Amino acid sequence: MRIGEKTHHILSDYLKLMKKKSDSQENVNKLKEEITQVMTNDFNISKNRDYEAWYDRNQKFWLTEHYYKIDVDAKLQEAIDKVINNLDTFISSERHDKVSRFFDISQSVYIESPKRPDYESMRIVIDNIPELMDVSILASPDFGAILWDDRFTIIDWKSWKENINDDVIPDQIKVYVLKMILKKWKLNIDNMDIKWYEVYLPSLKEIWWQITQKDIDDIIQKIINDVNFQKQFIVDGDVIRNVPISQKNFYRTNSTKKCESCTFRKVCEDLKKFE
């Protein structure tokens, strides 16, 4: 039901209200009404299975359950309630007060705009990493605050499964931090204080990491390795032309775990009959 996606949308809108000191109860109620209407409209479009709208950029919402003709009507209100509850939980939390403080003391604050992505602002400036010239990397942290030149705080909202391995910093986090420091054209962070928080809703569980120079060095090397690996799948490894090699070079995965979460699982299974 895209609860995570819609939670990000409503939190982003609310944070923008906070930034403008416009987070009155009246405006909060308007956000709740808007997300209710959006989710209801999206659901009805999906339920009608109107795939003629596929090429309409404003109508790219279909539930897998509807495609497979599964009745999920009862889950719509439940999903709406969960999204609104995630917002209410954040508003009444200590984390809310801490974020509010960031707006008052930070040099600059970044708020994700998930509904209308700005791809230029999402681009990581990697011109000073020679191995990644001519490669575009996009990243958009949910919330970031630059307190002063050598201190950053970044927050990522989560409304899905909680991280059970909090000893390992996810690569996604390292990429977000890399983006923030490259805005300052810095690759050496030995004297910087950079903290990353994962905040789970509605439990409000928090996990945080202190980002080190090794984390930055590791993620840069991983990106370089990943880019070199991906070059195998374009003609002559030419990232400028970016022409994919023949589809015959790509094979069906043998991972049942990947198949379980893939929205094309039934179609893929049917295609086996023609192979």
C-alpha atoms as a PDB file:
ATOM      1  CA  MET A   1       0.000   0.000   0.000  1.00  0.00           C
ATOM      2  CA  ARG A   2       3.068   2.266  -0.241  1.00  0.00           C
ATOM      3  CA  ILE A   3       2.835   3.294   3.407  1.00  0.00           C
ATOM      4  CA  GLY A   4       6.541   4.094   3.478  1.00  0.00           C
ATOM      5  CA  GLU A   5       6.358   6.285   0.380  1.00  0.00           C
ATOM      6  CA  LYS A   6       3.335   8.242   1.619  1.00  0.00           C
ATOM      7  CA  THR A   7       4.904   8.622   5.075  1.00  0.00           C
ATOM      8  CA  HIS A   8       7.904  10.277   3.409  1.00  0.00           C
ATOM      9  CA  HIS A   9       5.572  12.572   1.471  1.00  0.00           C
ATOM     10  CA  ILE A  10       3.615  13.792   4.483  1.00  0.00           C
ATOM     11  CA  LEU A  11       6.736  14.159   6.653  1.00  0.00           C
ATOM     12  CA  SER A  12       8.458  16.171   3.935  1.00  0.00           C
ATOM     13  CA  ASP A  13       5.459  18.489   3.667  1.00  0.00           C
ATOM     14  CA  TYR A  14       5.277  18.846   7.433  1.00  0.00           C
ATOM     15  CA  LEU A  15       8.991  19.643   7.770  1.00  0.00           C
ATOM     16  CA  LYS A  16       8.576  22.377   5.187  1.00  0.00           C
ATOM     17  CA  LEU A  17       5.799  23.824   7.345  1.00  0.00           C
ATOM     18  CA  MET A  18       8.113  23.653  10.363  1.00  0.00           C
ATOM     19  CA  LYS A  19      10.810  25.478   8.461  1.00  0.00           C
ATOM     20  CA  LYS A  20       8.374  28.303   7.698  1.00  0.00           C
ATOM     21  CA  LYS A  21       6.979  28.260  11.271  1.00  0.00           C
ATOM     22  CA  SER A  22       3.606  27.374   9.746  1.00  0.00           C
ATOM     23  CA  ASP A  23       3.028  24.028  11.459  1.00  0.00           C
ATOM     24  CA  SER A  24      -0.300  25.014  13.047  1.00  0.00           C
ATOM     25  CA  GLN A  25      -2.900  22.374  13.822  1.00  0.00           C
ATOM     26  CA  GLU A  26      -5.022  23.743  11.001  1.00  0.00           C
ATOM     27  CA  ASN A  27      -2.231  23.173   8.470  1.00  0.00           C
ATOM     28  CA  VAL A  28      -1.470  19.745   9.908  1.00  0.00           C
ATOM     29  CA  ASN A  29      -5.126  18.783   9.437  1.00  0.00           C
ATOM     30  CA  LYS A  30      -4.911  19.954   5.833  1.00  0.00           C
ATOM     31  CA  LEU A  31      -1.921  17.671   5.262  1.00  0.00           C
ATOM     32  CA  LYS A  32      -3.896  14.743   6.640  1.00  0.00           C
ATOM     33  CA  GLU A  33      -6.866  15.537   4.413  1.00  0.00           C
ATOM     34  CA  GLU A  34      -4.610  15.830   1.371  1.00  0.00           C
ATOM     35  CA  ILE A  35      -2.814  12.519   1.967  1.00  0.00           C
ATOM     36  CA  THR A  36      -6.169  10.800   2.552  1.00  0.00           C
ATOM     37  CA  GLN A  37      -7.483  12.098  -0.762  1.00  0.00           C
ATOM     38  CA  VAL A  38      -4.298  11.243  -2.657  1.00  0.00           C
ATOM     39  CA  MET A  39      -4.154   7.694  -1.311  1.00  0.00           C
ATOM     40  CA  THR A  40      -7.858   7.151  -2.012  1.00  0.00           C
ATOM     41  CA  ASN A  41      -7.558   8.447  -5.578  1.00  0.00           C
ATOM     42  CA  ASP A  42      -4.447   6.372  -6.227  1.00  0.00           C
ATOM     43  CA  PHE A  43      -6.167   3.289  -4.875  1.00  0.00           C
ATOM     44  CA  ASN A  44      -9.247   3.761  -7.061  1.00  0.00           C
ATOM     45  CA  ILE A  45      -7.138   4.244 -10.189  1.00  0.00           C
ATOM     46  CA  SER A  46      -5.311   1.040  -9.371  1.00  0.00           C
ATOM     47  CA  LYS A  47      -8.520  -0.835  -8.571  1.00  0.00           C
ATOM     48  CA  ASN A  48     -10.036   0.146 -11.927  1.00  0.00           C
ATOM     49  CA  ARG A  49      -6.986  -1.397 -13.608  1.00  0.00           C
ATOM     50  CA  ASP A  50      -6.899   1.501 -16.054  1.00  0.00           C
ATOM     51  CA  TYR A  51      -3.556   0.774 -17.677  1.00  0.00           C
ATOM     52  CA  GLU A  52      -4.273   3.220 -20.489  1.00  0.00           C
ATOM     53  CA  ALA A  53      -2.822   5.859 -18.160  1.00  0.00           C
ATOM     54  CA  TRP A  54       0.557   4.127 -18.064  1.00  0.00           C
ATOM     55  CA  TYR A  55       2.311   6.895 -19.985  1.00  0.00           C
ATOM     56  CA  ASP A  56       0.798   9.647 -17.861  1.00  0.00           C
ATOM     57  CA  ARG A  57       3.534  10.755 -15.438  1.00  0.00           C
ATOM     58  CA  ASN A  58       0.862  11.743 -12.910  1.00  0.00           C
ATOM     59  CA  GLN A  59      -0.826   8.324 -12.884  1.00  0.00           C
ATOM     60  CA  LYS A  60       1.952   5.835 -12.209  1.00  0.00           C
ATOM     61  CA  PHE A  61       0.329   4.065  -9.287  1.00  0.00           C
ATOM     62  CA  TRP A  62      -0.873   0.493  -9.408  1.00  0.00           C
ATOM     63  CA  LEU A  63      -0.955  -2.091  -6.661  1.00  0.00           C
ATOM     64  CA  THR A  64       0.354  -5.550  -7.435  1.00  0.00           C
ATOM     65  CA  GLU A  65      -2.653  -6.970  -5.577  1.00  0.00           C
ATOM     66  CA  HIS A  66      -5.028  -5.329  -8.047  1.00  0.00           C
ATOM     67  CA  TYR A  67      -3.044  -6.619 -11.003  1.00  0.00           C
ATOM     68  CA  TYR A  68      -3.409 -10.123  -9.619  1.00  0.00           C
ATOM     69  CA  LYS A  69      -7.104  -9.455  -8.818  1.00  0.00           C
ATOM     70  CA  ILE A  70      -6.745  -9.702  -5.043  1.00  0.00           C
ATOM     71  CA  ASP A  71      -9.392  -7.918  -2.944  1.00  0.00           C
ATOM     72  CA  VAL A  72      -7.577  -5.421  -0.696  1.00  0.00           C
ATOM     73  CA  ASP A  73     -10.370  -2.858  -0.210  1.00  0.00           C
ATOM     74  CA  ALA A  74     -10.287  -3.273   3.562  1.00  0.00           C
ATOM     75  CA  LYS A  75      -6.598  -2.354   3.659  1.00  0.00           C
ATOM     76  CA  LEU A  76      -6.984   1.158   2.227  1.00  0.00           C
ATOM     77  CA  GLN A  77      -8.253   2.854   5.399  1.00  0.00           C
ATOM     78  CA  GLU A  78      -5.766   0.859   7.438  1.00  0.00           C
ATOM     79  CA  ALA A  79      -2.932   2.178   5.273  1.00  0.00           C
ATOM     80  CA  ILE A  80      -4.186   5.778   5.504  1.00  0.00           C
ATOM     81  CA  ASP A  81      -4.446   5.481   9.286  1.00  0.00           C
ATOM     82  CA  LYS A  82      -0.875   4.170   9.522  1.00  0.00           C
ATOM     83  CA  VAL A  83       0.525   7.083   7.497  1.00  0.00           C
ATOM     84  CA  ILE A  84      -1.344   9.660   9.595  1.00  0.00           C
ATOM     85  CA  ASN A  85      -0.313   7.885  12.799  1.00  0.00           C
ATOM     86  CA  ASN A  86       3.335   8.030  11.698  1.00  0.00           C
ATOM     87  CA  LEU A  87       3.024  11.802  11.385  1.00  0.00           C
ATOM     88  CA  ASP A  88       1.263  12.170  14.742  1.00  0.00           C
ATOM     89  CA  THR A  89       3.875   9.993  16.428  1.00  0.00           C
ATOM     90  CA  PHE A  90       6.691  12.148  15.070  1.00  0.00           C
ATOM     91  CA  ILE A  91       4.962  15.410  16.071  1.00  0.00           C
ATOM     92  CA  SER A  92       4.581  14.264  19.686  1.00  0.00           C
ATOM     93  CA  SER A  93       8.140  12.906  19.962  1.00  0.00           C
ATOM     94  CA  GLU A  94      11.388  14.291  21.353  1.00  0.00           C
ATOM     95  CA  ARG A  95      12.898  13.876  17.886  1.00  0.00           C
ATOM     96  CA  HIS A  96      10.411  16.493  16.644  1.00  0.00           C
ATOM     97  CA  ASP A  97      11.754  19.002  19.176  1.00  0.00           C
ATOM     98  CA  LYS A  98      15.338  18.232  18.144  1.00  0.00           C
ATOM     99  CA  VAL A  99      14.524  18.773  14.469  1.00  0.00           C
ATOM    100  CA  SER A 100      12.769  22.023  15.326  1.00  0.00           C
ATOM    101  CA  ARG A 101      15.958  23.144  17.040  1.00  0.00           C
ATOM    102  CA  PHE A 102      17.971  22.410  13.879  1.00  0.00           C
ATOM    103  CA  PHE A 103      15.914  24.977  11.996  1.00  0.00           C
ATOM    104  CA  ASP A 104      16.972  27.607  14.521  1.00  0.00           C
ATOM    105  CA  ILE A 105      20.695  26.915  14.812  1.00  0.00           C
ATOM    106  CA  SER A 106      21.830  25.436  11.468  1.00  0.00           C
ATOM    107  CA  GLN A 107      23.674  27.192   8.683  1.00  0.00           C
ATOM    108  CA  SER A 108      21.453  25.385   6.198  1.00  0.00           C
ATOM    109  CA  VAL A 109      18.824  22.644   6.220  1.00  0.00           C
ATOM    110  CA  TYR A 110      17.962  20.151   3.479  1.00  0.00           C
ATOM    111  CA  ILE A 111      14.484  18.603   3.166  1.00  0.00           C
ATOM    112  CA  GLU A 112      13.743  15.867   0.663  1.00  0.00           C
ATOM    113  CA  SER A 113      11.097  16.629  -1.990  1.00  0.00           C
ATOM    114  CA  PRO A 114       9.941  13.094  -2.818  1.00  0.00           C
ATOM    115  CA  LYS A 115       6.783  13.974  -4.754  1.00  0.00           C
ATOM    116  CA  ARG A 116       8.555  16.044  -7.383  1.00  0.00           C
ATOM    117  CA  PRO A 117      12.186  14.946  -7.442  1.00  0.00           C
ATOM    118  CA  ASP A 118      14.676  17.588  -8.525  1.00  0.00           C
ATOM    119  CA  TYR A 119      17.237  15.430 -10.284  1.00  0.00           C
ATOM    120  CA  GLU A 120      19.762  18.221 -10.553  1.00  0.00           C
ATOM    121  CA  SER A 121      19.744  18.775  -6.793  1.00  0.00           C
ATOM    122  CA  MET A 122      19.945  15.002  -6.274  1.00  0.00           C
ATOM    123  CA  ARG A 123      23.133  14.755  -8.340  1.00  0.00           C
ATOM    124  CA  ILE A 124      26.337  14.099  -6.422  1.00  0.00           C
ATOM    125  CA  VAL A 125      29.171  16.385  -7.501  1.00  0.00           C
ATOM    126  CA  ILE A 126      31.925  13.843  -8.196  1.00  0.00           C
ATOM    127  CA  ASP A 127      34.034  15.839 -10.656  1.00  0.00           C
ATOM    128  CA  ASN A 128      37.016  15.646  -8.326  1.00  0.00           C
ATOM    129  CA  ILE A 129      37.031  11.814  -8.378  1.00  0.00           C
ATOM    130  CA  PRO A 130      38.766  10.987 -11.702  1.00  0.00           C
ATOM    131  CA  GLU A 131      37.526   7.378 -11.867  1.00  0.00           C
ATOM    132  CA  LEU A 132      33.918   8.593 -11.811  1.00  0.00           C
ATOM    133  CA  MET A 133      34.102  11.268 -14.477  1.00  0.00           C
ATOM    134  CA  ASP A 134      31.060  11.223 -16.816  1.00  0.00           C
ATOM    135  CA  VAL A 135      29.056   9.087 -14.364  1.00  0.00           C
ATOM    136  CA  SER A 136      25.870  10.443 -12.773  1.00  0.00           C
ATOM    137  CA  ILE A 137      25.049   9.400  -9.229  1.00  0.00           C
ATOM    138  CA  LEU A 138      21.833  10.559  -7.588  1.00  0.00           C
ATOM    139  CA  ALA A 139      21.117  10.649  -3.866  1.00  0.00           C
ATOM    140  CA  SER A 140      18.565  12.423  -1.721  1.00  0.00           C
ATOM    141  CA  PRO A 141      18.706  12.141   2.086  1.00  0.00           C
ATOM    142  CA  ASP A 142      15.407  12.729   3.877  1.00  0.00           C
ATOM    143  CA  PHE A 143      16.713  15.501   6.121  1.00  0.00           C
ATOM    144  CA  GLY A 144      20.106  17.116   6.592  1.00  0.00           C
ATOM    145  CA  ALA A 145      21.370  19.953   8.742  1.00  0.00           C
ATOM    146  CA  ILE A 146      24.736  21.674   8.378  1.00  0.00           C
ATOM    147  CA  LEU A 147      25.305  23.080  11.845  1.00  0.00           C
ATOM    148  CA  TRP A 148      28.609  24.636  10.848  1.00  0.00           C
ATOM    149  CA  ASP A 149      31.325  23.828   8.326  1.00  0.00           C
ATOM    150  CA  ASP A 150      32.674  20.825  10.190  1.00  0.00           C
ATOM    151  CA  ARG A 151      29.490  19.414  11.705  1.00  0.00           C
ATOM    152  CA  PHE A 152      26.676  17.638   9.843  1.00  0.00           C
ATOM    153  CA  THR A 153      23.594  15.780  11.035  1.00  0.00           C
ATOM    154  CA  ILE A 154      21.549  13.653   8.626  1.00  0.00           C
ATOM    155  CA  ILE A 155      18.283  11.847   9.386  1.00  0.00           C
ATOM    156  CA  ASP A 156      16.582   9.062   7.441  1.00  0.00           C
ATOM    157  CA  TRP A 157      12.953   8.187   8.215  1.00  0.00           C
ATOM    158  CA  LYS A 158      12.056   4.501   8.188  1.00  0.00           C
ATOM    159  CA  SER A 159       8.584   2.969   8.387  1.00  0.00           C
ATOM    160  CA  TRP A 160       9.450  -0.576   7.384  1.00  0.00           C
ATOM    161  CA  LYS A 161      11.446  -3.335   9.058  1.00  0.00           C
ATOM    162  CA  GLU A 162      13.811  -2.129  11.732  1.00  0.00           C
ATOM    163  CA  ASN A 163      17.538  -2.593  11.203  1.00  0.00           C
ATOM    164  CA  ILE A 164      18.693  -5.534  13.307  1.00  0.00           C
ATOM    165  CA  ASN A 165      22.364  -5.171  12.397  1.00  0.00           C
ATOM    166  CA  ASP A 166      23.164  -1.714  13.704  1.00  0.00           C
ATOM    167  CA  ASP A 167      26.887  -2.457  13.904  1.00  0.00           C
ATOM    168  CA  VAL A 168      27.180  -2.101  10.128  1.00  0.00           C
ATOM    169  CA  ILE A 169      26.680   1.270   8.460  1.00  0.00           C
ATOM    170  CA  PRO A 170      24.531   0.786   5.323  1.00  0.00           C
ATOM    171  CA  ASP A 171      26.156   1.836   2.053  1.00  0.00           C
ATOM    172  CA  GLN A 172      23.170   4.080   1.324  1.00  0.00           C
ATOM    173  CA  ILE A 173      24.065   6.183   4.358  1.00  0.00           C
ATOM    174  CA  LYS A 174      27.676   6.520   3.277  1.00  0.00           C
ATOM    175  CA  VAL A 175      26.512   7.716  -0.151  1.00  0.00           C
ATOM    176  CA  TYR A 176      24.307  10.378   1.430  1.00  0.00           C
ATOM    177  CA  VAL A 177      27.184  11.593   3.592  1.00  0.00           C
ATOM    178  CA  LEU A 178      29.487  11.604   0.572  1.00  0.00           C
ATOM    179  CA  LYS A 179      27.032  13.879  -1.185  1.00  0.00           C
ATOM    180  CA  MET A 180      26.923  16.290   1.743  1.00  0.00           C
ATOM    181  CA  ILE A 181      30.693  16.596   2.128  1.00  0.00           C
ATOM    182  CA  LEU A 182      31.296  16.934  -1.606  1.00  0.00           C
ATOM    183  CA  LYS A 183      29.036  19.970  -1.562  1.00  0.00           C
ATOM    184  CA  LYS A 184      31.927  21.508   0.374  1.00  0.00           C
ATOM    185  CA  TRP A 185      34.504  19.950  -1.968  1.00  0.00           C
ATOM    186  CA  LYS A 186      35.947  17.939   0.890  1.00  0.00           C
ATOM    187  CA  LEU A 187      37.083  14.336   0.858  1.00  0.00           C
ATOM    188  CA  ASN A 188      38.998  14.459   4.106  1.00  0.00           C
ATOM    189  CA  ILE A 189      36.680  14.434   7.116  1.00  0.00           C
ATOM    190  CA  ASP A 190      39.163  13.598   9.878  1.00  0.00           C
ATOM    191  CA  ASN A 191      38.316  16.804  11.722  1.00  0.00           C
ATOM    192  CA  MET A 192      34.584  16.740  11.020  1.00  0.00           C
ATOM    193  CA  ASP A 193      31.713  15.587  13.219  1.00  0.00           C
ATOM    194  CA  ILE A 194      29.196  13.763  11.012  1.00  0.00           C
ATOM    195  CA  LYS A 195      26.317  11.817  12.526  1.00  0.00           C
ATOM    196  CA  TRP A 196      23.652   9.810  10.765  1.00  0.00           C
ATOM    197  CA  TYR A 197      20.359   8.817  12.383  1.00  0.00           C
ATOM    198  CA  GLU A 198      17.792   6.270  11.294  1.00  0.00           C
ATOM    199  CA  VAL A 199      14.454   7.052  12.941  1.00  0.00           C
ATOM    200  CA  TYR A 200      11.801   4.358  12.744  1.00  0.00           C
ATOM    201  CA  LEU A 201       8.099   5.130  12.739  1.00  0.00           C
ATOM    202  CA  PRO A 202       5.933   4.540  14.596  1.00  0.00           C
ATOM    203  CA  SER A 203       8.223   2.892  17.178  1.00  0.00           C
ATOM    204  CA  LEU A 204      10.575   5.932  17.314  1.00  0.00           C
ATOM    205  CA  LYS A 205      13.518   3.591  17.672  1.00  0.00           C
ATOM    206  CA  GLU A 206      16.708   5.415  16.696  1.00  0.00           C
ATOM    207  CA  ILE A 207      20.002   4.075  15.400  1.00  0.00           C
ATOM    208  CA  TRP A 208      22.918   6.403  14.846  1.00  0.00           C
ATOM    209  CA  TRP A 209      26.426   6.189  13.501  1.00  0.00           C
ATOM    210  CA  GLN A 210      29.467   8.424  13.590  1.00  0.00           C
ATOM    211  CA  ILE A 211      30.853   8.586  10.054  1.00  0.00           C
ATOM    212  CA  THR A 212      34.622   8.198   9.729  1.00  0.00           C
ATOM    213  CA  GLN A 213      37.188   8.796   7.016  1.00  0.00           C
ATOM    214  CA  LYS A 214      37.350   5.040   6.414  1.00  0.00           C
ATOM    215  CA  ASP A 215      33.591   4.994   5.703  1.00  0.00           C
ATOM    216  CA  ILE A 216      34.055   7.654   3.032  1.00  0.00           C
ATOM    217  CA  ASP A 217      37.090   5.962   1.493  1.00  0.00           C
ATOM    218  CA  ASP A 218      35.254   2.626   1.444  1.00  0.00           C
ATOM    219  CA  ILE A 219      32.130   3.963  -0.262  1.00  0.00           C
ATOM    220  CA  ILE A 220      34.137   5.797  -2.921  1.00  0.00           C
ATOM    221  CA  GLN A 221      35.989   2.585  -3.724  1.00  0.00           C
ATOM    222  CA  LYS A 222      32.749   0.601  -3.759  1.00  0.00           C
ATOM    223  CA  ILE A 223      31.146   3.052  -6.195  1.00  0.00           C
ATOM    224  CA  ILE A 224      34.212   2.821  -8.448  1.00  0.00           C
ATOM    225  CA  ASN A 225      34.059  -0.989  -8.318  1.00  0.00           C
ATOM    226  CA  ASP A 226      30.306  -1.007  -8.996  1.00  0.00           C
ATOM    227  CA  VAL A 227      30.685   1.350 -11.957  1.00  0.00           C
ATOM    228  CA  ASN A 228      33.406  -0.845 -13.433  1.00  0.00           C
ATOM    229  CA  PHE A 229      31.150  -3.871 -12.974  1.00  0.00           C
ATOM    230  CA  GLN A 230      28.206  -2.134 -14.648  1.00  0.00           C
ATOM    231  CA  LYS A 231      30.392  -1.182 -17.611  1.00  0.00           C
ATOM    232  CA  GLN A 232      30.346  -4.854 -18.562  1.00  0.00           C
ATOM    233  CA  PHE A 233      26.707  -4.421 -19.551  1.00  0.00           C
ATOM    234  CA  ILE A 234      27.166  -1.533 -21.998  1.00  0.00           C
ATOM    235  CA  VAL A 235      28.806  -1.717 -25.409  1.00  0.00           C
ATOM    236  CA  ASP A 236      32.578  -1.121 -25.203  1.00  0.00           C
ATOM    237  CA  GLY A 237      32.126   0.046 -21.588  1.00  0.00           C
ATOM    238  CA  ASP A 238      31.389   3.502 -23.000  1.00  0.00           C
ATOM    239  CA  VAL A 239      29.471   5.431 -20.304  1.00  0.00           C
ATOM    240  CA  ILE A 240      28.911   8.381 -22.656  1.00  0.00           C
ATOM    241  CA  ARG A 241      27.097   6.361 -25.320  1.00  0.00           C
ATOM    242  CA  ASN A 242      25.562   4.100 -22.645  1.00  0.00           C
ATOM    243  CA  VAL A 243      24.325   1.498 -25.161  1.00  0.00           C
ATOM    244  CA  PRO A 244      23.240  -1.749 -23.448  1.00  0.00           C
ATOM    245  CA  ILE A 245      24.560  -5.085 -24.658  1.00  0.00           C
ATOM    246  CA  SER A 246      22.100  -7.660 -26.016  1.00  0.00           C
ATOM    247  CA  GLN A 247      19.372  -8.804 -23.643  1.00  0.00           C
ATOM    248  CA  LYS A 248      20.454 -12.366 -24.369  1.00  0.00           C
ATOM    249  CA  ASN A 249      23.334 -11.759 -21.977  1.00  0.00           C
ATOM    250  CA  PHE A 250      20.949 -11.386 -19.030  1.00  0.00           C
ATOM    251  CA  TYR A 251      19.621 -14.463 -17.281  1.00  0.00           C
ATOM    252  CA  ARG A 252      16.796 -15.184 -14.880  1.00  0.00           C
ATOM    253  CA  THR A 253      17.852 -15.112 -11.229  1.00  0.00           C
ATOM    254  CA  ASN A 254      17.978 -18.312  -9.235  1.00  0.00           C
ATOM    255  CA  SER A 255      17.287 -16.462  -5.990  1.00  0.00           C
ATOM    256  CA  THR A 256      13.869 -17.440  -4.627  1.00  0.00           C
ATOM    257  CA  LYS A 257      14.172 -14.587  -2.114  1.00  0.00           C
ATOM    258  CA  LYS A 258      14.314 -12.035  -4.933  1.00  0.00           C
ATOM    259  CA  CYS A 259      11.382 -13.697  -6.691  1.00  0.00           C
ATOM    260  CA  GLU A 260       9.164 -13.433  -3.615  1.00  0.00           C
ATOM    261  CA  SER A 261       9.340  -9.637  -3.620  1.00  0.00           C
ATOM    262  CA  CYS A 262       9.332  -9.144  -7.402  1.00  0.00           C
ATOM    263  CA  THR A 263       6.150  -7.671  -8.872  1.00  0.00           C
ATOM    264  CA  PHE A 264       6.772  -9.555 -12.135  1.00  0.00           C
ATOM    265  CA  ARG A 265       6.905 -12.990 -10.494  1.00  0.00           C
ATOM    266  CA  LYS A 266       3.761 -14.346 -12.148  1.00  0.00           C
ATOM    267  CA  VAL A 267       4.618 -13.004 -15.602  1.00  0.00           C
ATOM    268  CA  CYS A 268       8.139 -14.365 -15.271  1.00  0.00           C
ATOM    269  CA  GLU A 269       6.797 -17.782 -14.340  1.00  0.00           C
ATOM    270  CA  ASP A 270       4.468 -17.774 -17.353  1.00  0.00           C
ATOM    271  CA  LEU A 271       7.341 -16.872 -19.672  1.00  0.00           C
ATOM    272  CA  LYS A 272       9.137 -20.074 -18.748  1.00  0.00           C
ATOM    273  CA  LYS A 273       6.620 -21.913 -20.942  1.00  0.00           C
ATOM    274  CA  PHE A 274       8.025 -20.186 -24.012  1.00  0.00           C
ATOM    275  CA  GLU A 275      11.690 -20.835 -23.312  1.00  0.00           C
END
